[in-house]
Amino acid sequence: MVLLLLGNYDGRALDIFFRPVTEENRREGWILAHWLVAHAEDLDIQYVIFDDQFWSAHISRGQWHNYDAPEPSNEILRHVDHVHVDVIGGDSG
């Protein structure tokens, strides 16, 4: 596992990479993704995306949904090699 933290423009997102894409790394990615969802309320998480699936705090808690990656579809845009996490914006003051 390689950990790389990348903020979005608001500093509310990070990506945790599991490279190369292997069954073992996918398993570890899913362990992390499910842990994040289980702790989403405490961590103010609003979205988790991994392995062509996404979870949203705004849609049926606990449910994963198909993620349609933008074109050109690749491992990064499909979030196959990393878990993407967005948190709800906090107080910037």
N, C-alpha and C. Protein backbone atom coordinates (compact mmCIF):
# COMPACT_ATOMS: atom_id res chain seq x y z
N MET A 1 0.84 -1.17 0.00
CA MET A 1 0.00 0.00 0.00
C MET A 1 0.88 1.23 0.00
N VAL A 2 0.53 2.19 -0.84
CA VAL A 2 1.20 3.48 -0.86
C VAL A 2 0.17 4.50 -0.43
N LEU A 3 0.50 5.32 0.55
CA LEU A 3 -0.41 6.33 1.04
C LEU A 3 -0.02 7.66 0.45
N LEU A 4 -0.96 8.29 -0.24
CA LEU A 4 -0.72 9.59 -0.83
C LEU A 4 -1.93 10.45 -0.53
N LEU A 5 -1.73 11.53 0.15
CA LEU A 5 -2.83 12.41 0.50
C LEU A 5 -2.87 13.59 -0.46
N LEU A 6 -4.00 13.77 -1.10
CA LEU A 6 -4.18 14.87 -2.04
C LEU A 6 -5.42 15.64 -1.66
N GLY A 7 -5.32 16.92 -1.47
CA GLY A 7 -6.49 17.72 -1.16
C GLY A 7 -7.19 18.19 -2.42
N ASN A 8 -8.51 18.38 -2.34
CA ASN A 8 -9.20 19.01 -3.44
C ASN A 8 -9.00 20.52 -3.29
N TYR A 9 -9.66 21.31 -4.11
CA TYR A 9 -9.45 22.76 -4.07
C TYR A 9 -9.82 23.36 -2.72
N ASP A 10 -10.75 22.73 -2.00
CA ASP A 10 -11.15 23.22 -0.69
C ASP A 10 -10.41 22.52 0.43
N GLY A 11 -9.53 21.58 0.13
CA GLY A 11 -8.81 20.84 1.15
C GLY A 11 -9.69 19.86 1.91
N ARG A 12 -10.75 19.36 1.25
CA ARG A 12 -11.69 18.47 1.93
C ARG A 12 -11.64 17.05 1.41
N ALA A 13 -10.61 16.67 0.68
CA ALA A 13 -10.57 15.32 0.12
C ALA A 13 -9.17 14.74 0.23
N LEU A 14 -9.13 13.41 0.24
CA LEU A 14 -7.85 12.74 0.18
C LEU A 14 -8.01 11.43 -0.58
N ASP A 15 -6.91 10.98 -1.14
CA ASP A 15 -6.85 9.71 -1.87
C ASP A 15 -5.82 8.83 -1.19
N ILE A 16 -6.19 7.58 -0.92
CA ILE A 16 -5.28 6.61 -0.34
C ILE A 16 -5.07 5.53 -1.39
N PHE A 17 -3.88 5.46 -1.95
CA PHE A 17 -3.59 4.56 -3.06
C PHE A 17 -3.20 3.17 -2.58
N PHE A 18 -3.66 2.17 -3.33
CA PHE A 18 -3.32 0.77 -3.13
C PHE A 18 -2.79 0.25 -4.46
N ARG A 19 -1.48 0.40 -4.66
CA ARG A 19 -0.86 0.02 -5.92
C ARG A 19 0.19 -1.02 -5.67
N PRO A 20 0.40 -1.88 -6.68
CA PRO A 20 -0.34 -2.00 -7.93
C PRO A 20 -1.72 -2.59 -7.69
N VAL A 21 -2.56 -2.55 -8.72
CA VAL A 21 -3.91 -3.11 -8.60
C VAL A 21 -3.78 -4.63 -8.60
N THR A 22 -3.99 -5.21 -7.41
CA THR A 22 -3.95 -6.66 -7.23
C THR A 22 -5.15 -7.04 -6.36
N GLU A 23 -5.44 -8.31 -6.29
CA GLU A 23 -6.54 -8.76 -5.44
C GLU A 23 -6.28 -8.41 -3.98
N GLU A 24 -5.05 -8.58 -3.52
CA GLU A 24 -4.70 -8.24 -2.13
C GLU A 24 -4.90 -6.75 -1.86
N ASN A 25 -4.44 -5.90 -2.78
CA ASN A 25 -4.61 -4.46 -2.59
C ASN A 25 -6.08 -4.05 -2.68
N ARG A 26 -6.85 -4.71 -3.55
CA ARG A 26 -8.29 -4.43 -3.61
C ARG A 26 -8.95 -4.81 -2.28
N ARG A 27 -8.57 -5.94 -1.71
CA ARG A 27 -9.12 -6.36 -0.43
C ARG A 27 -8.80 -5.33 0.65
N GLU A 28 -7.56 -4.88 0.70
CA GLU A 28 -7.17 -3.87 1.69
C GLU A 28 -7.91 -2.56 1.45
N GLY A 29 -8.09 -2.20 0.18
CA GLY A 29 -8.84 -0.99 -0.14
C GLY A 29 -10.28 -1.08 0.34
N TRP A 30 -10.90 -2.25 0.15
CA TRP A 30 -12.28 -2.43 0.62
C TRP A 30 -12.37 -2.42 2.14
N ILE A 31 -11.37 -2.96 2.81
CA ILE A 31 -11.37 -2.91 4.28
C ILE A 31 -11.37 -1.45 4.73
N LEU A 32 -10.50 -0.64 4.14
CA LEU A 32 -10.45 0.78 4.48
C LEU A 32 -11.76 1.48 4.12
N ALA A 33 -12.27 1.23 2.91
CA ALA A 33 -13.51 1.89 2.47
C ALA A 33 -14.66 1.59 3.42
N HIS A 34 -14.81 0.35 3.82
CA HIS A 34 -15.89 0.00 4.75
C HIS A 34 -15.67 0.59 6.14
N TRP A 35 -14.42 0.66 6.58
CA TRP A 35 -14.13 1.30 7.86
C TRP A 35 -14.51 2.77 7.82
N LEU A 36 -14.17 3.45 6.72
CA LEU A 36 -14.51 4.87 6.59
C LEU A 36 -16.02 5.08 6.62
N VAL A 37 -16.77 4.23 5.93
CA VAL A 37 -18.23 4.34 5.93
C VAL A 37 -18.77 4.10 7.34
N ALA A 38 -18.22 3.11 8.03
CA ALA A 38 -18.69 2.80 9.38
C ALA A 38 -18.44 3.97 10.35
N HIS A 39 -17.44 4.79 10.06
CA HIS A 39 -17.09 5.92 10.92
C HIS A 39 -17.42 7.27 10.25
N ALA A 40 -18.22 7.25 9.22
CA ALA A 40 -18.50 8.46 8.44
C ALA A 40 -19.09 9.58 9.27
N GLU A 41 -20.01 9.26 10.14
CA GLU A 41 -20.64 10.31 10.94
C GLU A 41 -19.61 10.98 11.85
N ASP A 42 -18.79 10.20 12.51
CA ASP A 42 -17.78 10.76 13.42
C ASP A 42 -16.72 11.57 12.67
N LEU A 43 -16.41 11.17 11.44
CA LEU A 43 -15.36 11.82 10.66
C LEU A 43 -15.89 12.86 9.68
N ASP A 44 -17.20 13.10 9.68
CA ASP A 44 -17.84 14.06 8.76
C ASP A 44 -17.58 13.72 7.29
N ILE A 45 -17.61 12.43 6.96
CA ILE A 45 -17.38 12.00 5.59
C ILE A 45 -18.69 12.09 4.81
N GLN A 46 -18.60 12.68 3.60
CA GLN A 46 -19.80 12.73 2.77
C GLN A 46 -19.74 11.79 1.58
N TYR A 47 -18.54 11.45 1.07
CA TYR A 47 -18.42 10.53 -0.05
C TYR A 47 -17.21 9.62 0.13
N VAL A 48 -17.35 8.36 -0.27
CA VAL A 48 -16.23 7.43 -0.39
C VAL A 48 -16.39 6.78 -1.76
N ILE A 49 -15.31 6.77 -2.54
CA ILE A 49 -15.33 6.14 -3.87
C ILE A 49 -14.18 5.14 -3.93
N PHE A 50 -14.50 3.91 -4.39
CA PHE A 50 -13.47 2.90 -4.59
C PHE A 50 -13.98 1.81 -5.51
N ASP A 51 -13.13 1.36 -6.41
CA ASP A 51 -13.36 0.16 -7.21
C ASP A 51 -14.69 0.20 -7.95
N ASP A 52 -14.94 1.32 -8.67
CA ASP A 52 -16.15 1.51 -9.47
C ASP A 52 -17.43 1.60 -8.63
N GLN A 53 -17.30 1.87 -7.32
CA GLN A 53 -18.44 2.00 -6.43
C GLN A 53 -18.32 3.29 -5.62
N PHE A 54 -19.46 3.85 -5.19
CA PHE A 54 -19.39 5.00 -4.31
C PHE A 54 -20.44 4.88 -3.22
N TRP A 55 -20.13 5.51 -2.11
CA TRP A 55 -21.04 5.62 -0.97
C TRP A 55 -21.21 7.10 -0.69
N SER A 56 -22.43 7.51 -0.37
CA SER A 56 -22.71 8.90 -0.07
C SER A 56 -23.53 9.01 1.20
N ALA A 57 -23.18 9.97 2.04
CA ALA A 57 -23.97 10.23 3.24
C ALA A 57 -25.34 10.79 2.87
N HIS A 58 -25.50 11.22 1.62
CA HIS A 58 -26.75 11.83 1.18
C HIS A 58 -27.72 10.83 0.54
N ILE A 59 -27.27 9.61 0.34
CA ILE A 59 -28.09 8.56 -0.28
C ILE A 59 -28.05 7.35 0.63
N SER A 60 -29.18 6.80 0.96
CA SER A 60 -29.31 5.56 1.77
C SER A 60 -28.02 5.15 2.47
N ARG A 61 -27.86 5.57 3.69
CA ARG A 61 -26.66 5.21 4.46
C ARG A 61 -26.40 3.70 4.40
N GLY A 62 -25.15 3.35 4.22
CA GLY A 62 -24.77 1.95 4.20
C GLY A 62 -24.85 1.31 2.83
N GLN A 63 -25.41 2.01 1.85
CA GLN A 63 -25.56 1.43 0.52
C GLN A 63 -24.44 1.91 -0.42
N TRP A 64 -23.88 0.98 -1.15
CA TRP A 64 -22.90 1.31 -2.19
C TRP A 64 -23.63 1.35 -3.52
N HIS A 65 -23.16 2.22 -4.42
CA HIS A 65 -23.80 2.41 -5.72
C HIS A 65 -22.73 2.37 -6.81
N ASN A 66 -23.15 2.05 -8.03
CA ASN A 66 -22.23 2.05 -9.16
C ASN A 66 -21.71 3.46 -9.40
N TYR A 67 -20.42 3.57 -9.66
CA TYR A 67 -19.79 4.85 -9.95
C TYR A 67 -19.46 4.90 -11.43
N ASP A 68 -19.99 5.89 -12.13
CA ASP A 68 -19.71 6.08 -13.55
C ASP A 68 -18.57 7.09 -13.69
N ALA A 69 -17.40 6.59 -14.01
CA ALA A 69 -16.22 7.45 -14.13
C ALA A 69 -16.33 8.32 -15.37
N PRO A 70 -15.79 9.53 -15.30
CA PRO A 70 -15.76 10.38 -16.49
C PRO A 70 -14.80 9.80 -17.52
N GLU A 71 -15.00 10.17 -18.76
CA GLU A 71 -14.10 9.74 -19.84
C GLU A 71 -12.84 10.58 -19.80
N PRO A 72 -11.70 10.08 -20.17
CA PRO A 72 -11.45 8.69 -20.56
C PRO A 72 -11.34 7.82 -19.32
N SER A 73 -12.08 6.76 -19.29
CA SER A 73 -12.11 5.87 -18.13
C SER A 73 -10.76 5.16 -17.99
N ASN A 74 -10.17 5.25 -16.80
CA ASN A 74 -8.92 4.56 -16.52
C ASN A 74 -8.90 4.19 -15.04
N GLU A 75 -7.84 3.52 -14.57
CA GLU A 75 -7.78 3.06 -13.18
C GLU A 75 -7.92 4.21 -12.19
N ILE A 76 -7.35 5.35 -12.51
CA ILE A 76 -7.40 6.48 -11.58
C ILE A 76 -8.81 7.07 -11.54
N LEU A 77 -9.39 7.38 -12.70
CA LEU A 77 -10.72 7.97 -12.72
C LEU A 77 -11.80 7.02 -12.22
N ARG A 78 -11.57 5.72 -12.37
CA ARG A 78 -12.52 4.72 -11.86
C ARG A 78 -12.30 4.45 -10.37
N HIS A 79 -11.24 5.01 -9.80
CA HIS A 79 -10.89 4.81 -8.40
C HIS A 79 -10.65 3.34 -8.09
N VAL A 80 -10.00 2.64 -9.02
CA VAL A 80 -9.68 1.23 -8.83
C VAL A 80 -8.38 1.09 -8.02
N ASP A 81 -7.49 2.07 -8.13
CA ASP A 81 -6.20 1.98 -7.44
C ASP A 81 -6.12 2.82 -6.18
N HIS A 82 -7.24 3.44 -5.80
CA HIS A 82 -7.22 4.25 -4.58
C HIS A 82 -8.62 4.46 -4.02
N VAL A 83 -8.66 4.69 -2.71
CA VAL A 83 -9.90 5.06 -2.03
C VAL A 83 -9.93 6.58 -1.97
N HIS A 84 -11.01 7.15 -2.47
CA HIS A 84 -11.19 8.61 -2.45
C HIS A 84 -12.19 8.95 -1.34
N VAL A 85 -11.86 9.94 -0.53
CA VAL A 85 -12.71 10.34 0.59
C VAL A 85 -12.92 11.85 0.54
N ASP A 86 -14.19 12.27 0.59
CA ASP A 86 -14.55 13.69 0.72
C ASP A 86 -15.20 13.89 2.07
N VAL A 87 -14.79 14.93 2.77
CA VAL A 87 -15.41 15.25 4.04
C VAL A 87 -16.27 16.50 3.88
N ILE A 88 -17.23 16.63 4.79
CA ILE A 88 -18.10 17.80 4.77
C ILE A 88 -17.28 19.00 5.21
N GLY A 89 -17.47 20.12 4.51
CA GLY A 89 -16.71 21.32 4.80
C GLY A 89 -16.89 21.77 6.23
N GLY A 90 -15.78 22.06 6.89
CA GLY A 90 -15.82 22.50 8.27
C GLY A 90 -15.66 24.00 8.37
N ASP A 91 -15.52 24.48 9.55
CA ASP A 91 -15.32 25.88 9.83
C ASP A 91 -13.90 26.26 9.47
N SER A 92 -13.73 27.21 8.55
CA SER A 92 -12.39 27.61 8.11
C SER A 92 -11.78 28.63 9.06
N GLY A 93 -12.53 29.08 10.06
CA GLY A 93 -12.03 30.10 10.97
C GLY A 93 -11.35 29.49 12.10
